Full PDB file with SEQRES, HELIX, SHEET, SSBOND, CRYST1, ORIGX, SCALE, CONECT and MASTER records, all heavy atoms in Angstrom:
SEQRES   1 A   41  LEU GLY LYS ARG GLN ASN ARG LEU ILE VAL ALA SER ALA          
SEQRES   2 A   41  ASP PRO THR ASN ARG ASP VAL ALA GLU LYS ILE LYS PHE          
SEQRES   3 A   41  ALA THR GLN THR PRO VAL GLU TRP VAL VAL ALA ALA HIS          
SEQRES   4 A   41  GLU LYS                                                      
HELIX    1 AA1 ARG A   18  THR A   28  1                                  11    
SHEET    1 AA1 3 GLY A   2  ARG A   4  0                                        
SHEET    2 AA1 3 ARG A   7  SER A  12 -1                                        
SHEET    3 AA1 3 VAL A  32  VAL A  36  1                                        
CRYST1    1.000    1.000    1.000  90.00  90.00  90.00 P 1           1          
ORIGX1      1.000000  0.000000  0.000000        0.00000                         
ORIGX2      0.000000  1.000000  0.000000        0.00000                         
ORIGX3      0.000000  0.000000  1.000000        0.00000                         
SCALE1      1.000000  0.000000  0.000000        0.00000                         
SCALE2      0.000000  1.000000  0.000000        0.00000                         
SCALE3      0.000000  0.000000  1.000000        0.00000                         
ATOM      1  N   LEU A   1       0.806  -1.213   0.000  1.00  0.00           N  
ATOM      2  CA  LEU A   1       0.000   0.000   0.000  1.00  0.00           C  
ATOM      3  C   LEU A   1       0.842   1.268   0.000  1.00  0.00           C  
ATOM      4  O   LEU A   1       0.407   2.308  -0.481  1.00  0.00           O  
ATOM      5  CB  LEU A   1      -0.923   0.009   1.228  1.00  0.00           C  
ATOM      6  CG  LEU A   1      -1.903  -1.170   1.328  1.00  0.00           C  
ATOM      7  CD1 LEU A   1      -2.646  -1.114   2.649  1.00  0.00           C  
ATOM      8  CD2 LEU A   1      -2.882  -1.163   0.167  1.00  0.00           C  
ATOM      9  N   GLY A   2       2.059   1.180   0.561  1.00  0.00           N  
ATOM     10  CA  GLY A   2       2.898   2.367   0.611  1.00  0.00           C  
ATOM     11  C   GLY A   2       4.005   2.201   1.626  1.00  0.00           C  
ATOM     12  O   GLY A   2       4.240   1.099   2.163  1.00  0.00           O  
ATOM     13  N   LYS A   3       4.686   3.290   1.895  1.00  0.00           N  
ATOM     14  CA  LYS A   3       5.797   3.267   2.844  1.00  0.00           C  
ATOM     15  C   LYS A   3       5.618   4.407   3.835  1.00  0.00           C  
ATOM     16  O   LYS A   3       5.351   5.549   3.439  1.00  0.00           O  
ATOM     17  CB  LYS A   3       7.126   3.405   2.093  1.00  0.00           C  
ATOM     18  CG  LYS A   3       8.352   3.107   2.924  1.00  0.00           C  
ATOM     19  CD  LYS A   3       9.600   3.128   2.052  1.00  0.00           C  
ATOM     20  CE  LYS A   3      10.840   2.754   2.873  1.00  0.00           C  
ATOM     21  NZ  LYS A   3      12.071   2.766   2.039  1.00  0.00           N  
ATOM     22  N   ARG A   4       5.747   4.081   5.120  1.00  0.00           N  
ATOM     23  CA  ARG A   4       5.627   5.075   6.165  1.00  0.00           C  
ATOM     24  C   ARG A   4       6.892   5.057   7.009  1.00  0.00           C  
ATOM     25  O   ARG A   4       7.204   4.034   7.627  1.00  0.00           O  
ATOM     26  CB  ARG A   4       4.400   4.802   7.032  1.00  0.00           C  
ATOM     27  CG  ARG A   4       4.156   5.870   8.101  1.00  0.00           C  
ATOM     28  CD  ARG A   4       2.769   5.759   8.671  1.00  0.00           C  
ATOM     29  NE  ARG A   4       2.503   4.437   9.210  1.00  0.00           N  
ATOM     30  CZ  ARG A   4       1.291   3.973   9.502  1.00  0.00           C  
ATOM     31  NH1 ARG A   4       0.235   4.729   9.242  1.00  0.00           N  
ATOM     32  NH2 ARG A   4       1.132   2.766  10.008  1.00  0.00           N  
ATOM     33  N   GLN A   5       7.619   6.182   6.991  1.00  0.00           N  
ATOM     34  CA  GLN A   5       8.917   6.277   7.656  1.00  0.00           C  
ATOM     35  C   GLN A   5       9.808   5.151   7.127  1.00  0.00           C  
ATOM     36  O   GLN A   5      10.134   5.108   5.964  1.00  0.00           O  
ATOM     37  CB  GLN A   5       8.730   6.236   9.177  1.00  0.00           C  
ATOM     38  CG  GLN A   5       7.966   7.451   9.707  1.00  0.00           C  
ATOM     39  CD  GLN A   5       7.742   7.403  11.191  1.00  0.00           C  
ATOM     40  OE1 GLN A   5       7.962   6.387  11.852  1.00  0.00           O  
ATOM     41  NE2 GLN A   5       7.278   8.531  11.742  1.00  0.00           N  
ATOM     42  N   ASN A   6      10.205   4.215   7.976  1.00  0.00           N  
ATOM     43  CA  ASN A   6      11.089   3.141   7.513  1.00  0.00           C  
ATOM     44  C   ASN A   6      10.371   1.803   7.471  1.00  0.00           C  
ATOM     45  O   ASN A   6      11.001   0.742   7.537  1.00  0.00           O  
ATOM     46  CB  ASN A   6      12.313   3.035   8.436  1.00  0.00           C  
ATOM     47  CG  ASN A   6      11.930   2.619   9.854  1.00  0.00           C  
ATOM     48  OD1 ASN A   6      10.807   2.858  10.270  1.00  0.00           O  
ATOM     49  ND2 ASN A   6      12.869   2.014  10.581  1.00  0.00           N  
ATOM     50  N   ARG A   7       9.056   1.808   7.327  1.00  0.00           N  
ATOM     51  CA  ARG A   7       8.290   0.566   7.290  1.00  0.00           C  
ATOM     52  C   ARG A   7       7.424   0.493   6.025  1.00  0.00           C  
ATOM     53  O   ARG A   7       6.912   1.508   5.540  1.00  0.00           O  
ATOM     54  CB  ARG A   7       7.401   0.441   8.536  1.00  0.00           C  
ATOM     55  CG  ARG A   7       8.183   0.189   9.813  1.00  0.00           C  
ATOM     56  CD  ARG A   7       7.254  -0.037  10.998  1.00  0.00           C  
ATOM     57  NE  ARG A   7       8.027  -0.396  12.174  1.00  0.00           N  
ATOM     58  CZ  ARG A   7       8.386  -1.635  12.492  1.00  0.00           C  
ATOM     59  NH1 ARG A   7       8.040  -2.638  11.706  1.00  0.00           N  
ATOM     60  NH2 ARG A   7       9.085  -1.893  13.579  1.00  0.00           N  
ATOM     61  N   LEU A   8       7.274  -0.728   5.529  1.00  0.00           N  
ATOM     62  CA  LEU A   8       6.460  -0.992   4.351  1.00  0.00           C  
ATOM     63  C   LEU A   8       5.060  -1.402   4.811  1.00  0.00           C  
ATOM     64  O   LEU A   8       4.918  -2.333   5.594  1.00  0.00           O  
ATOM     65  CB  LEU A   8       7.094  -2.127   3.527  1.00  0.00           C  
ATOM     66  CG  LEU A   8       6.815  -2.173   2.029  1.00  0.00           C  
ATOM     67  CD1 LEU A   8       7.365  -0.943   1.343  1.00  0.00           C  
ATOM     68  CD2 LEU A   8       7.440  -3.433   1.436  1.00  0.00           C  
ATOM     69  N   ILE A   9       4.034  -0.716   4.342  1.00  0.00           N  
ATOM     70  CA  ILE A   9       2.658  -1.028   4.710  1.00  0.00           C  
ATOM     71  C   ILE A   9       2.120  -2.040   3.704  1.00  0.00           C  
ATOM     72  O   ILE A   9       2.024  -1.749   2.503  1.00  0.00           O  
ATOM     73  CB  ILE A   9       1.772   0.230   4.716  1.00  0.00           C  
ATOM     74  CG1 ILE A   9       2.449   1.361   5.497  1.00  0.00           C  
ATOM     75  CG2 ILE A   9       0.402  -0.091   5.286  1.00  0.00           C  
ATOM     76  CD1 ILE A   9       2.763   1.017   6.926  1.00  0.00           C  
ATOM     77  N   VAL A  10       1.788  -3.240   4.198  1.00  0.00           N  
ATOM     78  CA  VAL A  10       1.391  -4.339   3.322  1.00  0.00           C  
ATOM     79  C   VAL A  10       0.064  -4.918   3.798  1.00  0.00           C  
ATOM     80  O   VAL A  10      -0.111  -5.198   4.987  1.00  0.00           O  
ATOM     81  CB  VAL A  10       2.458  -5.458   3.311  1.00  0.00           C  
ATOM     82  CG1 VAL A  10       2.036  -6.581   2.370  1.00  0.00           C  
ATOM     83  CG2 VAL A  10       3.805  -4.895   2.896  1.00  0.00           C  
ATOM     84  N   ALA A  11      -0.883  -5.087   2.861  1.00  0.00           N  
ATOM     85  CA  ALA A  11      -2.175  -5.702   3.165  1.00  0.00           C  
ATOM     86  C   ALA A  11      -2.144  -7.172   2.789  1.00  0.00           C  
ATOM     87  O   ALA A  11      -1.640  -7.543   1.723  1.00  0.00           O  
ATOM     88  CB  ALA A  11      -3.297  -4.997   2.411  1.00  0.00           C  
ATOM     89  N   SER A  12      -2.686  -8.008   3.686  1.00  0.00           N  
ATOM     90  CA  SER A  12      -2.721  -9.445   3.443  1.00  0.00           C  
ATOM     91  C   SER A  12      -3.920 -10.044   4.158  1.00  0.00           C  
ATOM     92  O   SER A  12      -4.411  -9.482   5.151  1.00  0.00           O  
ATOM     93  CB  SER A  12      -1.429 -10.105   3.943  1.00  0.00           C  
ATOM     94  OG  SER A  12      -1.517 -11.509   3.878  1.00  0.00           O  
ATOM     95  N   ALA A  13      -4.405 -11.154   3.647  1.00  0.00           N  
ATOM     96  CA  ALA A  13      -5.479 -11.862   4.331  1.00  0.00           C  
ATOM     97  C   ALA A  13      -4.944 -12.706   5.479  1.00  0.00           C  
ATOM     98  O   ALA A  13      -5.706 -13.146   6.345  1.00  0.00           O  
ATOM     99  CB  ALA A  13      -6.233 -12.748   3.334  1.00  0.00           C  
ATOM    100  N   ASP A  14      -3.625 -12.936   5.501  1.00  0.00           N  
ATOM    101  CA  ASP A  14      -3.006 -13.744   6.568  1.00  0.00           C  
ATOM    102  C   ASP A  14      -1.744 -13.038   7.073  1.00  0.00           C  
ATOM    103  O   ASP A  14      -0.624 -13.377   6.660  1.00  0.00           O  
ATOM    104  CB  ASP A  14      -2.671 -15.144   6.045  1.00  0.00           C  
ATOM    105  CG  ASP A  14      -2.060 -16.027   7.114  1.00  0.00           C  
ATOM    106  OD1 ASP A  14      -2.128 -15.651   8.316  1.00  0.00           O  
ATOM    107  OD2 ASP A  14      -1.480 -17.085   6.779  1.00  0.00           O  
ATOM    108  N   PRO A  15      -1.891 -12.061   7.961  1.00  0.00           N  
ATOM    109  CA  PRO A  15      -0.725 -11.348   8.483  1.00  0.00           C  
ATOM    110  C   PRO A  15       0.070 -12.153   9.497  1.00  0.00           C  
ATOM    111  O   PRO A  15       1.082 -11.662  10.007  1.00  0.00           O  
ATOM    112  CB  PRO A  15      -1.353 -10.107   9.132  1.00  0.00           C  
ATOM    113  CG  PRO A  15      -2.714 -10.540   9.531  1.00  0.00           C  
ATOM    114  CD  PRO A  15      -3.157 -11.521   8.497  1.00  0.00           C  
ATOM    115  N   THR A  16      -0.362 -13.378   9.784  1.00  0.00           N  
ATOM    116  CA  THR A  16       0.378 -14.229  10.732  1.00  0.00           C  
ATOM    117  C   THR A  16       1.524 -14.971  10.060  1.00  0.00           C  
ATOM    118  O   THR A  16       2.302 -15.645  10.736  1.00  0.00           O  
ATOM    119  CB  THR A  16      -0.571 -15.267  11.366  1.00  0.00           C  
ATOM    120  OG1 THR A  16      -1.014 -16.196  10.367  1.00  0.00           O  
ATOM    121  CG2 THR A  16      -1.791 -14.593  11.978  1.00  0.00           C  
ATOM    122  N   ASN A  17       1.619 -14.873   8.746  1.00  0.00           N  
ATOM    123  CA  ASN A  17       2.628 -15.634   8.008  1.00  0.00           C  
ATOM    124  C   ASN A  17       3.990 -14.935   8.133  1.00  0.00           C  
ATOM    125  O   ASN A  17       4.301 -14.008   7.377  1.00  0.00           O  
ATOM    126  CB  ASN A  17       2.214 -15.756   6.542  1.00  0.00           C  
ATOM    127  CG  ASN A  17       3.021 -16.804   5.805  1.00  0.00           C  
ATOM    128  OD1 ASN A  17       4.190 -17.029   6.107  1.00  0.00           O  
ATOM    129  ND2 ASN A  17       2.384 -17.447   4.837  1.00  0.00           N  
ATOM    130  N   ARG A  18       4.795 -15.379   9.103  1.00  0.00           N  
ATOM    131  CA  ARG A  18       6.103 -14.756   9.342  1.00  0.00           C  
ATOM    132  C   ARG A  18       7.072 -15.010   8.197  1.00  0.00           C  
ATOM    133  O   ARG A  18       7.956 -14.189   7.925  1.00  0.00           O  
ATOM    134  CB  ARG A  18       6.691 -15.295  10.649  1.00  0.00           C  
ATOM    135  CG  ARG A  18       5.892 -14.892  11.884  1.00  0.00           C  
ATOM    136  CD  ARG A  18       6.577 -15.384  13.143  1.00  0.00           C  
ATOM    137  NE  ARG A  18       5.836 -14.968  14.335  1.00  0.00           N  
ATOM    138  CZ  ARG A  18       6.225 -15.268  15.572  1.00  0.00           C  
ATOM    139  NH1 ARG A  18       7.338 -15.977  15.780  1.00  0.00           N  
ATOM    140  NH2 ARG A  18       5.513 -14.855  16.599  1.00  0.00           N  
ATOM    141  N   ASP A  19       6.900 -16.152   7.531  1.00  0.00           N  
ATOM    142  CA  ASP A  19       7.790 -16.479   6.418  1.00  0.00           C  
ATOM    143  C   ASP A  19       7.684 -15.438   5.303  1.00  0.00           C  
ATOM    144  O   ASP A  19       8.691 -14.959   4.766  1.00  0.00           O  
ATOM    145  CB  ASP A  19       7.462 -17.878   5.885  1.00  0.00           C  
ATOM    146  CG  ASP A  19       8.418 -18.306   4.796  1.00  0.00           C  
ATOM    147  OD1 ASP A  19       9.644 -18.108   4.958  1.00  0.00           O  
ATOM    148  OD2 ASP A  19       7.958 -18.856   3.776  1.00  0.00           O  
ATOM    149  N   VAL A  20       6.449 -15.054   4.973  1.00  0.00           N  
ATOM    150  CA  VAL A  20       6.235 -14.041   3.942  1.00  0.00           C  
ATOM    151  C   VAL A  20       6.789 -12.697   4.395  1.00  0.00           C  
ATOM    152  O   VAL A  20       7.416 -11.967   3.609  1.00  0.00           O  
ATOM    153  CB  VAL A  20       4.733 -13.931   3.605  1.00  0.00           C  
ATOM    154  CG1 VAL A  20       4.466 -12.679   2.764  1.00  0.00           C  
ATOM    155  CG2 VAL A  20       4.264 -15.162   2.862  1.00  0.00           C  
ATOM    156  N   ALA A  21       6.585 -12.361   5.655  1.00  0.00           N  
ATOM    157  CA  ALA A  21       7.102 -11.092   6.174  1.00  0.00           C  
ATOM    158  C   ALA A  21       8.619 -11.021   6.059  1.00  0.00           C  
ATOM    159  O   ALA A  21       9.182  -9.988   5.669  1.00  0.00           O  
ATOM    160  CB  ALA A  21       6.673 -10.918   7.627  1.00  0.00           C  
ATOM    161  N   GLU A  22       9.289 -12.126   6.350  1.00  0.00           N  
ATOM    162  CA  GLU A  22      10.743 -12.149   6.255  1.00  0.00           C  
ATOM    163  C   GLU A  22      11.215 -12.040   4.812  1.00  0.00           C  
ATOM    164  O   GLU A  22      12.213 -11.385   4.508  1.00  0.00           O  
ATOM    165  CB  GLU A  22      11.290 -13.435   6.898  1.00  0.00           C  
ATOM    166  CG  GLU A  22      11.155 -13.475   8.406  1.00  0.00           C  
ATOM    167  CD  GLU A  22      11.917 -12.334   9.082  1.00  0.00           C  
ATOM    168  OE1 GLU A  22      13.037 -12.017   8.637  1.00  0.00           O  
ATOM    169  OE2 GLU A  22      11.379 -11.747  10.044  1.00  0.00           O  
ATOM    170  N   LYS A  23      10.487 -12.688   3.901  1.00  0.00           N  
ATOM    171  CA  LYS A  23      10.862 -12.634   2.483  1.00  0.00           C  
ATOM    172  C   LYS A  23      10.698 -11.216   1.926  1.00  0.00           C  
ATOM    173  O   LYS A  23      11.544 -10.736   1.167  1.00  0.00           O  
ATOM    174  CB  LYS A  23      10.012 -13.622   1.681  1.00  0.00           C  
ATOM    175  CG  LYS A  23      10.375 -15.080   1.926  1.00  0.00           C  
ATOM    176  CD  LYS A  23       9.489 -16.004   1.104  1.00  0.00           C  
ATOM    177  CE  LYS A  23       9.900 -17.467   1.319  1.00  0.00           C  
ATOM    178  NZ  LYS A  23       9.031 -18.406   0.566  1.00  0.00           N  
ATOM    179  N   ILE A  24       9.606 -10.546   2.314  1.00  0.00           N  
ATOM    180  CA  ILE A  24       9.399  -9.172   1.850  1.00  0.00           C  
ATOM    181  C   ILE A  24      10.465  -8.250   2.427  1.00  0.00           C  
ATOM    182  O   ILE A  24      11.004  -7.379   1.732  1.00  0.00           O  
ATOM    183  CB  ILE A  24       7.982  -8.687   2.220  1.00  0.00           C  
ATOM    184  CG1 ILE A  24       6.926  -9.503   1.459  1.00  0.00           C  
ATOM    185  CG2 ILE A  24       7.817  -7.200   1.916  1.00  0.00           C  
ATOM    186  CD1 ILE A  24       5.496  -9.152   1.826  1.00  0.00           C  
ATOM    187  N   LYS A  25      10.774  -8.469   3.704  1.00  0.00           N  
ATOM    188  CA  LYS A  25      11.809  -7.658   4.347  1.00  0.00           C  
ATOM    189  C   LYS A  25      13.153  -7.851   3.658  1.00  0.00           C  
ATOM    190  O   LYS A  25      13.902  -6.896   3.427  1.00  0.00           O  
ATOM    191  CB  LYS A  25      11.914  -8.027   5.829  1.00  0.00           C  
ATOM    192  CG  LYS A  25      12.969  -7.214   6.586  1.00  0.00           C  
ATOM    193  CD  LYS A  25      13.013  -7.621   8.052  1.00  0.00           C  
ATOM    194  CE  LYS A  25      14.090  -6.829   8.801  1.00  0.00           C  
ATOM    195  NZ  LYS A  25      14.167  -7.227  10.233  1.00  0.00           N  
ATOM    196  N   PHE A  26      13.449  -9.112   3.290  1.00  0.00           N  
ATOM    197  CA  PHE A  26      14.720  -9.398   2.607  1.00  0.00           C  
ATOM    198  C   PHE A  26      14.750  -8.747   1.229  1.00  0.00           C  
ATOM    199  O   PHE A  26      15.766  -8.193   0.806  1.00  0.00           O  
ATOM    200  CB  PHE A  26      14.908 -10.905   2.487  1.00  0.00           C  
ATOM    201  CG  PHE A  26      16.136 -11.297   1.721  1.00  0.00           C  
ATOM    202  CD1 PHE A  26      17.379 -11.302   2.324  1.00  0.00           C  
ATOM    203  CD2 PHE A  26      16.057 -11.646   0.374  1.00  0.00           C  
ATOM    204  CE1 PHE A  26      18.512 -11.652   1.611  1.00  0.00           C  
ATOM    205  CE2 PHE A  26      17.180 -12.002  -0.343  1.00  0.00           C  
ATOM    206  CZ  PHE A  26      18.420 -12.007   0.278  1.00  0.00           C  
ATOM    207  N   ALA A  27      13.612  -8.786   0.499  1.00  0.00           N  
ATOM    208  CA  ALA A  27      13.564  -8.242  -0.870  1.00  0.00           C  
ATOM    209  C   ALA A  27      13.640  -6.725  -0.886  1.00  0.00           C  
ATOM    210  O   ALA A  27      14.183  -6.131  -1.819  1.00  0.00           O  
ATOM    211  CB  ALA A  27      12.289  -8.710  -1.572  1.00  0.00           C  
ATOM    212  N   THR A  28      13.091  -6.085   0.151  1.00  0.00           N  
ATOM    213  CA  THR A  28      13.017  -4.621   0.158  1.00  0.00           C  
ATOM    214  C   THR A  28      13.972  -3.972   1.148  1.00  0.00           C  
ATOM    215  O   THR A  28      14.125  -2.743   1.130  1.00  0.00           O  
ATOM    216  CB  THR A  28      11.589  -4.177   0.502  1.00  0.00           C  
ATOM    217  OG1 THR A  28      11.255  -4.643   1.823  1.00  0.00           O  
ATOM    218  CG2 THR A  28      10.589  -4.723  -0.505  1.00  0.00           C  
ATOM    219  N   GLN A  29      14.574  -4.805   2.021  1.00  0.00           N  
ATOM    220  CA  GLN A  29      15.430  -4.288   3.095  1.00  0.00           C  
ATOM    221  C   GLN A  29      14.651  -3.301   3.981  1.00  0.00           C  
ATOM    222  O   GLN A  29      15.206  -2.333   4.495  1.00  0.00           O  
ATOM    223  CB  GLN A  29      16.676  -3.616   2.506  1.00  0.00           C  
ATOM    224  CG  GLN A  29      17.582  -4.560   1.736  1.00  0.00           C  
ATOM    225  CD  GLN A  29      18.143  -5.681   2.626  1.00  0.00           C  
ATOM    226  OE1 GLN A  29      18.778  -5.430   3.643  1.00  0.00           O  
ATOM    227  NE2 GLN A  29      17.875  -6.924   2.242  1.00  0.00           N  
ATOM    228  N   THR A  30      13.351  -3.594   4.126  1.00  0.00           N  
ATOM    229  CA  THR A  30      12.470  -2.736   4.918  1.00  0.00           C  
ATOM    230  C   THR A  30      11.544  -3.601   5.766  1.00  0.00           C  
ATOM    231  O   THR A  30      10.940  -4.547   5.235  1.00  0.00           O  
ATOM    232  CB  THR A  30      11.620  -1.833   3.999  1.00  0.00           C  
ATOM    233  OG1 THR A  30      12.476  -1.140   3.097  1.00  0.00           O  
ATOM    234  CG2 THR A  30      10.820  -0.826   4.805  1.00  0.00           C  
ATOM    235  N   PRO A  31      11.404  -3.318   7.071  1.00  0.00           N  
ATOM    236  CA  PRO A  31      10.464  -4.064   7.906  1.00  0.00           C  
ATOM    237  C   PRO A  31       9.027  -3.887   7.412  1.00  0.00           C  
ATOM    238  O   PRO A  31       8.680  -2.866   6.795  1.00  0.00           O  
ATOM    239  CB  PRO A  31      10.645  -3.455   9.301  1.00  0.00           C  
ATOM    240  CG  PRO A  31      11.964  -2.750   9.247  1.00  0.00           C  
ATOM    241  CD  PRO A  31      12.157  -2.310   7.840  1.00  0.00           C  
ATOM    242  N   VAL A  32       8.190  -4.894   7.695  1.00  0.00           N  
ATOM    243  CA  VAL A  32       6.813  -4.905   7.214  1.00  0.00           C  
ATOM    244  C   VAL A  32       5.860  -4.542   8.349  1.00  0.00           C  
ATOM    245  O   VAL A  32       5.977  -5.053   9.464  1.00  0.00           O  
ATOM    246  CB  VAL A  32       6.442  -6.294   6.637  1.00  0.00           C  
ATOM    247  CG1 VAL A  32       4.958  -6.350   6.291  1.00  0.00           C  
ATOM    248  CG2 VAL A  32       7.284  -6.588   5.411  1.00  0.00           C  
ATOM    249  N   GLU A  33       4.921  -3.661   8.033  1.00  0.00           N  
ATOM    250  CA  GLU A  33       3.818  -3.359   8.943  1.00  0.00           C  
ATOM    251  C   GLU A  33       2.531  -3.833   8.272  1.00  0.00           C  
ATOM    252  O   GLU A  33       2.169  -3.358   7.209  1.00  0.00           O  
ATOM    253  CB  GLU A  33       3.749  -1.857   9.227  1.00  0.00           C  
ATOM    254  CG  GLU A  33       2.670  -1.492  10.231  1.00  0.00           C  
ATOM    255  CD  GLU A  33       2.692  -0.026  10.584  1.00  0.00           C  
ATOM    256  OE1 GLU A  33       3.807   0.541  10.706  1.00  0.00           O  
ATOM    257  OE2 GLU A  33       1.608   0.566  10.737  1.00  0.00           O  
ATOM    258  N   TRP A  34       1.843  -4.809   8.942  1.00  0.00           N  
ATOM    259  CA  TRP A  34       0.716  -5.479   8.307  1.00  0.00           C  
ATOM    260  C   TRP A  34      -0.584  -4.688   8.435  1.00  0.00           C  
ATOM    261  O   TRP A  34      -0.834  -4.004   9.430  1.00  0.00           O  
ATOM    262  CB  TRP A  34       0.492  -6.868   8.913  1.00  0.00           C  
ATOM    263  CG  TRP A  34       1.506  -7.895   8.537  1.00  0.00           C  
ATOM    264  CD1 TRP A  34       2.415  -8.489   9.357  1.00  0.00           C  
ATOM    265  CD2 TRP A  34       1.704  -8.474   7.243  1.00  0.00           C  
ATOM    266  NE1 TRP A  34       3.185  -9.389   8.669  1.00  0.00           N  
ATOM    267  CE2 TRP A  34       2.765  -9.405   7.358  1.00  0.00           C  
ATOM    268  CE3 TRP A  34       1.111  -8.295   5.993  1.00  0.00           C  
ATOM    269  CZ2 TRP A  34       3.226 -10.157   6.294  1.00  0.00           C  
ATOM    270  CZ3 TRP A  34       1.574  -9.047   4.931  1.00  0.00           C  
ATOM    271  CH2 TRP A  34       2.615  -9.963   5.082  1.00  0.00           C  
ATOM    272  N   VAL A  35      -1.415  -4.836   7.418  1.00  0.00           N  
ATOM    273  CA  VAL A  35      -2.821  -4.446   7.438  1.00  0.00           C  
ATOM    274  C   VAL A  35      -3.598  -5.662   6.975  1.00  0.00           C  
ATOM    275  O   VAL A  35      -3.207  -6.308   5.996  1.00  0.00           O  
ATOM    276  CB  VAL A  35      -3.091  -3.249   6.499  1.00  0.00           C  
ATOM    277  CG1 VAL A  35      -4.580  -2.978   6.395  1.00  0.00           C  
ATOM    278  CG2 VAL A  35      -2.367  -2.013   6.987  1.00  0.00           C  
ATOM    279  N   VAL A  36      -4.669  -6.024   7.685  1.00  0.00           N  
ATOM    280  CA  VAL A  36      -5.418  -7.222   7.321  1.00  0.00           C  
ATOM    281  C   VAL A  36      -6.607  -6.836   6.447  1.00  0.00           C  
ATOM    282  O   VAL A  36      -7.242  -5.795   6.652  1.00  0.00           O  
ATOM    283  CB  VAL A  36      -5.873  -7.999   8.576  1.00  0.00           C  
ATOM    284  CG1 VAL A  36      -6.887  -7.202   9.375  1.00  0.00           C  
ATOM    285  CG2 VAL A  36      -6.452  -9.357   8.176  1.00  0.00           C  
ATOM    286  N   ALA A  37      -6.889  -7.667   5.435  1.00  0.00           N  
ATOM    287  CA  ALA A  37      -7.992  -7.433   4.497  1.00  0.00           C  
ATOM    288  C   ALA A  37      -8.671  -8.749   4.168  1.00  0.00           C  
ATOM    289  O   ALA A  37      -8.107  -9.828   4.394  1.00  0.00           O  
ATOM    290  CB  ALA A  37      -7.483  -6.753   3.228  1.00  0.00           C  
ATOM    291  N   ALA A  38      -9.870  -8.660   3.643  1.00  0.00           N  
ATOM    292  CA  ALA A  38     -10.623  -9.866   3.289  1.00  0.00           C  
ATOM    293  C   ALA A  38      -9.907 -10.639   2.181  1.00  0.00           C  
ATOM    294  O   ALA A  38      -9.365 -10.056   1.237  1.00  0.00           O  
ATOM    295  CB  ALA A  38     -12.034  -9.487   2.842  1.00  0.00           C  
ATOM    296  N   HIS A  39      -9.925 -11.956   2.306  1.00  0.00           N  
ATOM    297  CA  HIS A  39      -9.221 -12.855   1.385  1.00  0.00           C  
ATOM    298  C   HIS A  39      -9.600 -12.598  -0.068  1.00  0.00           C  
ATOM    299  O   HIS A  39      -8.737 -12.445  -0.942  1.00  0.00           O  
ATOM    300  CB  HIS A  39      -9.542 -14.303   1.795  1.00  0.00           C  
ATOM    301  CG  HIS A  39      -8.938 -15.345   0.915  1.00  0.00           C  
ATOM    302  ND1 HIS A  39      -9.588 -15.839  -0.193  1.00  0.00           N  
ATOM    303  CD2 HIS A  39      -7.753 -15.996   0.977  1.00  0.00           C  
ATOM    304  CE1 HIS A  39      -8.828 -16.746  -0.776  1.00  0.00           C  
ATOM    305  NE2 HIS A  39      -7.713 -16.872  -0.077  1.00  0.00           N  
ATOM    306  N   GLU A  40     -10.932 -12.554  -0.339  1.00  0.00           N  
ATOM    307  CA  GLU A  40     -11.364 -12.404  -1.727  1.00  0.00           C  
ATOM    308  C   GLU A  40     -11.019 -11.034  -2.293  1.00  0.00           C  
ATOM    309  O   GLU A  40     -10.759 -10.881  -3.497  1.00  0.00           O  
ATOM    310  CB  GLU A  40     -12.872 -12.660  -1.858  1.00  0.00           C  
ATOM    311  CG  GLU A  40     -13.754 -11.707  -1.079  1.00  0.00           C  
ATOM    312  CD  GLU A  40     -13.995 -12.167   0.363  1.00  0.00           C  
ATOM    313  OE1 GLU A  40     -13.297 -13.103   0.803  1.00  0.00           O  
ATOM    314  OE2 GLU A  40     -14.872 -11.597   1.032  1.00  0.00           O  
ATOM    315  N   LYS A  41     -10.962 -10.003  -1.438  1.00  0.00           N  
ATOM    316  CA  LYS A  41     -10.638  -8.665  -1.921  1.00  0.00           C  
ATOM    317  C   LYS A  41      -9.141  -8.526  -2.193  1.00  0.00           C  
ATOM    318  O   LYS A  41      -8.744  -7.813  -3.116  1.00  0.00           O  
ATOM    319  CB  LYS A  41     -11.115  -7.618  -0.917  1.00  0.00           C  
ATOM    320  CG  LYS A  41     -12.643  -7.581  -0.812  1.00  0.00           C  
ATOM    321  CD  LYS A  41     -13.138  -6.471   0.077  1.00  0.00           C  
ATOM    322  CE  LYS A  41     -14.673  -6.475   0.106  1.00  0.00           C  
ATOM    323  NZ  LYS A  41     -15.215  -5.388   0.941  1.00  0.00           N  
TER     324      LYS A  41                                                      
MASTER        0    0    0    1    3    0    0    6  323    1    0    4          
END                                                                             
C-alpha cells in the first residue's frame, strides 16, 4: 500500500505468516507493517 517512515505497509489476508514477512523484508530491506484485508478482496 505504501511506505511510512522506515516501514512498508502491506495488506494481506493472513498477516500471521512470518515467512512471507521475512521474504518481503529481505527483498526490500524494509520491515513490514501489516494491514489485514478480506481474502477475496
